[in-house]
Amino acid sequence: ARGSSRIVSSARLEKARMALMQNDLELAGSLIRREEAEEGWRKTISGKPHANELDDIRLFKIRLGIAAGRSREAIELLQPEFAPAKPASISRRQLLVKLLMAGAQHRAGNPESAHRIISEVLEFAAEEGCKRLILDEEYLVAPLLAEIRQKPGRLSAKAARWLEQLSGSIPAGEAPPV
């Protein structure tokens, strides 16, 4: 109502996230295309919505690609941002990119790569206590997380305990409430 494109963009992208979580790929794609066409997210100085380092239109397109079975395309789009980083220097965005890459690799039929990447993410997340990032993207990586829980040697004892605690936070087979 007040014409704040930044707020409208953030709301539209959040609605797209909810559609992805509920596997409504048609609605998610429509919202992402509309947001891209209106370019509300580009009207900020940095090119990212204010106060939000994680959600930009590019990552939403990647999420949609993963959910829609276009994992190889998602891997190519993630590649420029996917670089090994020292654990002390990992940003939340880098952690998200790694998480999305693990999900894309898994869905593309590359389990070893997916397991290696998700293990790195989980080790760091367990050390830092980053639950929300994992929970927010669970709809894309749930099968991969289940596989890792079944392979006890992949994670340190601390990360394995943390993942078990986290798995209690993830409702099995339920879509999150809107």
C-alpha atoms as a PDB file:
ATOM      1  CA  ALA A   1       0.000   0.000   0.000  1.00  0.00           C
ATOM      2  CA  ARG A   2       2.914   2.337   0.701  1.00  0.00           C
ATOM      3  CA  GLY A   3       4.840   1.385  -2.411  1.00  0.00           C
ATOM      4  CA  SER A   4       7.828  -0.227  -0.698  1.00  0.00           C
ATOM      5  CA  SER A   5       9.112  -2.555  -3.400  1.00  0.00           C
ATOM      6  CA  ARG A   6      11.666  -4.053  -1.014  1.00  0.00           C
ATOM      7  CA  ILE A   7       8.968  -5.247   1.396  1.00  0.00           C
ATOM      8  CA  VAL A   8       6.743  -6.493  -1.419  1.00  0.00           C
ATOM      9  CA  SER A   9       9.721  -8.405  -2.859  1.00  0.00           C
ATOM     10  CA  SER A  10      10.522 -10.027   0.467  1.00  0.00           C
ATOM     11  CA  ALA A  11       6.887 -11.006   0.996  1.00  0.00           C
ATOM     12  CA  ARG A  12       6.580 -12.449  -2.512  1.00  0.00           C
ATOM     13  CA  LEU A  13       9.786 -14.479  -2.103  1.00  0.00           C
ATOM     14  CA  GLU A  14       8.590 -15.775   1.269  1.00  0.00           C
ATOM     15  CA  LYS A  15       5.340 -16.838  -0.377  1.00  0.00           C
ATOM     16  CA  ALA A  16       7.430 -18.626  -3.036  1.00  0.00           C
ATOM     17  CA  ARG A  17       9.361 -20.403  -0.247  1.00  0.00           C
ATOM     18  CA  MET A  18       6.110 -21.617   1.301  1.00  0.00           C
ATOM     19  CA  ALA A  19       4.911 -22.852  -2.102  1.00  0.00           C
ATOM     20  CA  LEU A  20       8.202 -24.757  -2.551  1.00  0.00           C
ATOM     21  CA  MET A  21       7.855 -26.299   0.899  1.00  0.00           C
ATOM     22  CA  GLN A  22       4.360 -27.484  -0.036  1.00  0.00           C
ATOM     23  CA  ASN A  23       5.649 -28.773  -3.391  1.00  0.00           C
ATOM     24  CA  ASP A  24       3.457 -26.343  -5.306  1.00  0.00           C
ATOM     25  CA  LEU A  25       6.043 -25.785  -8.020  1.00  0.00           C
ATOM     26  CA  GLU A  26       3.616 -24.035 -10.338  1.00  0.00           C
ATOM     27  CA  LEU A  27       2.798 -21.326  -7.778  1.00  0.00           C
ATOM     28  CA  ALA A  28       6.450 -21.024  -6.712  1.00  0.00           C
ATOM     29  CA  GLY A  29       7.571 -20.635 -10.317  1.00  0.00           C
ATOM     30  CA  SER A  30       4.880 -18.064 -11.003  1.00  0.00           C
ATOM     31  CA  LEU A  31       5.869 -15.985  -7.968  1.00  0.00           C
ATOM     32  CA  ILE A  32       9.568 -16.200  -8.825  1.00  0.00           C
ATOM     33  CA  ARG A  33       8.956 -15.192 -12.450  1.00  0.00           C
ATOM     34  CA  ARG A  34       6.745 -12.292 -11.324  1.00  0.00           C
ATOM     35  CA  GLU A  35       9.362 -11.112  -8.866  1.00  0.00           C
ATOM     36  CA  GLU A  36      12.061 -11.348 -11.511  1.00  0.00           C
ATOM     37  CA  ALA A  37       9.927  -9.387 -13.996  1.00  0.00           C
ATOM     38  CA  GLU A  38       9.109  -6.637 -11.503  1.00  0.00           C
ATOM     39  CA  GLU A  39      12.736  -6.414 -10.389  1.00  0.00           C
ATOM     40  CA  GLY A  40      11.823  -5.261  -6.888  1.00  0.00           C
ATOM     41  CA  TRP A  41      14.812  -7.123  -5.524  1.00  0.00           C
ATOM     42  CA  ARG A  42      17.177  -5.159  -7.809  1.00  0.00           C
ATOM     43  CA  LYS A  43      16.030  -1.773  -6.557  1.00  0.00           C
ATOM     44  CA  THR A  44      18.274  -1.880  -3.512  1.00  0.00           C
ATOM     45  CA  ILE A  45      21.843  -0.624  -3.472  1.00  0.00           C
ATOM     46  CA  SER A  46      23.381  -4.063  -2.961  1.00  0.00           C
ATOM     47  CA  GLY A  47      21.040  -5.984  -5.267  1.00  0.00           C
ATOM     48  CA  LYS A  48      19.822  -8.022  -2.301  1.00  0.00           C
ATOM     49  CA  PRO A  49      16.755  -7.342  -0.186  1.00  0.00           C
ATOM     50  CA  HIS A  50      17.596  -5.169   2.797  1.00  0.00           C
ATOM     51  CA  ALA A  51      18.752  -7.064   5.892  1.00  0.00           C
ATOM     52  CA  ASN A  52      18.642 -10.389   4.103  1.00  0.00           C
ATOM     53  CA  GLU A  53      21.850 -11.920   2.874  1.00  0.00           C
ATOM     54  CA  LEU A  54      20.312 -15.264   1.977  1.00  0.00           C
ATOM     55  CA  ASP A  55      17.288 -14.763  -0.190  1.00  0.00           C
ATOM     56  CA  ASP A  56      17.749 -13.369  -3.616  1.00  0.00           C
ATOM     57  CA  ILE A  57      15.986 -14.241  -6.818  1.00  0.00           C
ATOM     58  CA  ARG A  58      18.937 -16.303  -8.068  1.00  0.00           C
ATOM     59  CA  LEU A  59      18.846 -18.676  -5.093  1.00  0.00           C
ATOM     60  CA  PHE A  60      15.081 -18.994  -5.399  1.00  0.00           C
ATOM     61  CA  LYS A  61      15.466 -20.007  -9.033  1.00  0.00           C
ATOM     62  CA  ILE A  62      18.033 -22.594  -7.924  1.00  0.00           C
ATOM     63  CA  ARG A  63      15.690 -23.925  -5.221  1.00  0.00           C
ATOM     64  CA  LEU A  64      12.910 -24.217  -7.805  1.00  0.00           C
ATOM     65  CA  GLY A  65      15.261 -26.043 -10.172  1.00  0.00           C
ATOM     66  CA  ILE A  66      16.214 -28.557  -7.481  1.00  0.00           C
ATOM     67  CA  ALA A  67      12.598 -29.132  -6.475  1.00  0.00           C
ATOM     68  CA  ALA A  68      11.544 -29.498 -10.122  1.00  0.00           C
ATOM     69  CA  GLY A  69      14.192 -32.125 -10.865  1.00  0.00           C
ATOM     70  CA  ARG A  70      16.573 -29.856 -12.780  1.00  0.00           C
ATOM     71  CA  SER A  71      19.482 -30.661 -10.469  1.00  0.00           C
ATOM     72  CA  ARG A  72      22.233 -30.507 -13.084  1.00  0.00           C
ATOM     73  CA  GLU A  73      21.111 -26.989 -14.039  1.00  0.00           C
ATOM     74  CA  ALA A  74      21.070 -26.030 -10.340  1.00  0.00           C
ATOM     75  CA  ILE A  75      24.613 -27.388  -9.901  1.00  0.00           C
ATOM     76  CA  GLU A  76      25.829 -25.235 -12.799  1.00  0.00           C
ATOM     77  CA  LEU A  77      24.137 -22.149 -11.353  1.00  0.00           C
ATOM     78  CA  LEU A  78      25.586 -22.829  -7.884  1.00  0.00           C
ATOM     79  CA  GLN A  79      29.123 -23.510  -9.124  1.00  0.00           C
ATOM     80  CA  PRO A  80      30.296 -19.855  -9.236  1.00  0.00           C
ATOM     81  CA  GLU A  81      29.390 -19.370  -5.571  1.00  0.00           C
ATOM     82  CA  PHE A  82      30.473 -22.816  -4.446  1.00  0.00           C
ATOM     83  CA  ALA A  83      34.033 -22.654  -3.234  1.00  0.00           C
ATOM     84  CA  PRO A  84      35.680 -24.413  -0.342  1.00  0.00           C
ATOM     85  CA  ALA A  85      35.962 -22.005   2.574  1.00  0.00           C
ATOM     86  CA  LYS A  86      37.796 -22.318   5.829  1.00  0.00           C
ATOM     87  CA  PRO A  87      35.306 -23.174   8.609  1.00  0.00           C
ATOM     88  CA  ALA A  88      36.103 -19.945  10.456  1.00  0.00           C
ATOM     89  CA  SER A  89      35.231 -17.857   7.407  1.00  0.00           C
ATOM     90  CA  ILE A  90      31.968 -19.445   6.276  1.00  0.00           C
ATOM     91  CA  SER A  91      29.111 -16.966   5.929  1.00  0.00           C
ATOM     92  CA  ARG A  92      25.459 -17.949   6.224  1.00  0.00           C
ATOM     93  CA  ARG A  93      25.112 -17.545   2.461  1.00  0.00           C
ATOM     94  CA  GLN A  94      28.083 -19.855   1.805  1.00  0.00           C
ATOM     95  CA  LEU A  95      26.542 -22.393   4.151  1.00  0.00           C
ATOM     96  CA  LEU A  96      23.238 -22.128   2.281  1.00  0.00           C
ATOM     97  CA  VAL A  97      24.985 -22.511  -1.088  1.00  0.00           C
ATOM     98  CA  LYS A  98      26.731 -25.645   0.200  1.00  0.00           C
ATOM     99  CA  LEU A  99      23.436 -27.014   1.523  1.00  0.00           C
ATOM    100  CA  LEU A 100      21.717 -26.384  -1.822  1.00  0.00           C
ATOM    101  CA  MET A 101      24.673 -27.932  -3.668  1.00  0.00           C
ATOM    102  CA  ALA A 102      24.431 -31.046  -1.491  1.00  0.00           C
ATOM    103  CA  GLY A 103      20.715 -31.336  -2.267  1.00  0.00           C
ATOM    104  CA  ALA A 104      21.295 -30.812  -5.991  1.00  0.00           C
ATOM    105  CA  GLN A 105      24.135 -33.356  -6.084  1.00  0.00           C
ATOM    106  CA  HIS A 106      21.978 -35.879  -4.258  1.00  0.00           C
ATOM    107  CA  ARG A 107      19.033 -35.438  -6.614  1.00  0.00           C
ATOM    108  CA  ALA A 108      21.393 -35.571  -9.611  1.00  0.00           C
ATOM    109  CA  GLY A 109      22.539 -39.039  -8.545  1.00  0.00           C
ATOM    110  CA  ASN A 110      25.914 -38.081  -7.074  1.00  0.00           C
ATOM    111  CA  PRO A 111      25.607 -39.518  -3.543  1.00  0.00           C
ATOM    112  CA  GLU A 112      29.300 -39.403  -2.598  1.00  0.00           C
ATOM    113  CA  SER A 113      29.600 -35.733  -3.464  1.00  0.00           C
ATOM    114  CA  ALA A 114      26.297 -34.986  -1.724  1.00  0.00           C
ATOM    115  CA  HIS A 115      27.356 -36.880   1.423  1.00  0.00           C
ATOM    116  CA  ARG A 116      30.728 -35.120   1.557  1.00  0.00           C
ATOM    117  CA  ILE A 117      29.185 -31.658   1.180  1.00  0.00           C
ATOM    118  CA  ILE A 118      26.285 -32.213   3.596  1.00  0.00           C
ATOM    119  CA  SER A 119      28.738 -33.638   6.154  1.00  0.00           C
ATOM    120  CA  GLU A 120      30.787 -30.418   5.956  1.00  0.00           C
ATOM    121  CA  VAL A 121      27.632 -28.355   6.390  1.00  0.00           C
ATOM    122  CA  LEU A 122      26.425 -30.426   9.335  1.00  0.00           C
ATOM    123  CA  GLU A 123      29.806 -30.348  11.089  1.00  0.00           C
ATOM    124  CA  PHE A 124      29.909 -26.561  10.857  1.00  0.00           C
ATOM    125  CA  ALA A 125      26.231 -26.131  11.712  1.00  0.00           C
ATOM    126  CA  ALA A 126      26.556 -28.390  14.764  1.00  0.00           C
ATOM    127  CA  GLU A 127      29.557 -26.423  15.994  1.00  0.00           C
ATOM    128  CA  GLU A 128      27.787 -23.092  15.510  1.00  0.00           C
ATOM    129  CA  GLY A 129      24.261 -24.245  16.395  1.00  0.00           C
ATOM    130  CA  CYS A 130      22.783 -23.192  13.020  1.00  0.00           C
ATOM    131  CA  LYS A 131      19.499 -25.102  13.131  1.00  0.00           C
ATOM    132  CA  ARG A 132      17.222 -22.632  11.357  1.00  0.00           C
ATOM    133  CA  LEU A 133      19.144 -22.724   8.073  1.00  0.00           C
ATOM    134  CA  ILE A 134      18.888 -26.520   7.907  1.00  0.00           C
ATOM    135  CA  LEU A 135      15.235 -26.556   8.961  1.00  0.00           C
ATOM    136  CA  ASP A 136      14.302 -23.909   6.388  1.00  0.00           C
ATOM    137  CA  GLU A 137      15.746 -25.987   3.544  1.00  0.00           C
ATOM    138  CA  GLU A 138      14.718 -29.396   4.903  1.00  0.00           C
ATOM    139  CA  TYR A 139      12.116 -29.848   2.164  1.00  0.00           C
ATOM    140  CA  LEU A 140      15.003 -30.056  -0.336  1.00  0.00           C
ATOM    141  CA  VAL A 141      17.439 -32.208   1.644  1.00  0.00           C
ATOM    142  CA  ALA A 142      15.302 -34.493   3.866  1.00  0.00           C
ATOM    143  CA  PRO A 143      16.218 -37.745   2.042  1.00  0.00           C
ATOM    144  CA  LEU A 144      19.899 -36.795   2.165  1.00  0.00           C
ATOM    145  CA  LEU A 145      19.713 -36.057   5.893  1.00  0.00           C
ATOM    146  CA  ALA A 146      18.029 -39.425   6.442  1.00  0.00           C
ATOM    147  CA  GLU A 147      20.847 -41.187   4.543  1.00  0.00           C
ATOM    148  CA  ILE A 148      23.504 -39.412   6.596  1.00  0.00           C
ATOM    149  CA  ARG A 149      21.776 -40.422   9.834  1.00  0.00           C
ATOM    150  CA  GLN A 150      22.030 -44.039   8.658  1.00  0.00           C
ATOM    151  CA  LYS A 151      25.807 -43.750   8.090  1.00  0.00           C
ATOM    152  CA  PRO A 152      27.232 -43.192  11.569  1.00  0.00           C
ATOM    153  CA  GLY A 153      30.877 -42.893  10.446  1.00  0.00           C
ATOM    154  CA  ARG A 154      30.260 -39.859   8.227  1.00  0.00           C
ATOM    155  CA  LEU A 155      29.970 -37.347  11.091  1.00  0.00           C
ATOM    156  CA  SER A 156      31.777 -36.578  14.313  1.00  0.00           C
ATOM    157  CA  ALA A 157      30.019 -37.722  17.477  1.00  0.00           C
ATOM    158  CA  LYS A 158      28.981 -34.119  18.225  1.00  0.00           C
ATOM    159  CA  ALA A 159      27.519 -33.563  14.739  1.00  0.00           C
ATOM    160  CA  ALA A 160      25.739 -36.942  14.797  1.00  0.00           C
ATOM    161  CA  ARG A 161      24.099 -36.090  18.167  1.00  0.00           C
ATOM    162  CA  TRP A 162      23.174 -32.632  16.859  1.00  0.00           C
ATOM    163  CA  LEU A 163      21.609 -34.137  13.725  1.00  0.00           C
ATOM    164  CA  GLU A 164      19.559 -36.546  15.842  1.00  0.00           C
ATOM    165  CA  GLN A 165      18.316 -33.633  17.945  1.00  0.00           C
ATOM    166  CA  LEU A 166      17.570 -31.680  14.788  1.00  0.00           C
ATOM    167  CA  SER A 167      15.697 -34.578  13.230  1.00  0.00           C
ATOM    168  CA  GLY A 168      13.273 -34.439  16.148  1.00  0.00           C
ATOM    169  CA  SER A 169      12.459 -30.878  15.027  1.00  0.00           C
ATOM    170  CA  ILE A 170      11.533 -32.007  11.517  1.00  0.00           C
ATOM    171  CA  PRO A 171       7.989 -33.373  11.215  1.00  0.00           C
ATOM    172  CA  ALA A 172       8.141 -36.560   9.157  1.00  0.00           C
ATOM    173  CA  GLY A 173       6.334 -36.153   5.851  1.00  0.00           C
ATOM    174  CA  GLU A 174       4.383 -33.045   6.870  1.00  0.00           C
ATOM    175  CA  ALA A 175       4.291 -29.777   5.016  1.00  0.00           C
ATOM    176  CA  PRO A 176       4.914 -26.772   7.244  1.00  0.00           C
ATOM    177  CA  PRO A 177       1.892 -24.673   8.120  1.00  0.00           C
ATOM    178  CA  VAL A 178       1.294 -21.592   5.982  1.00  0.00           C
END
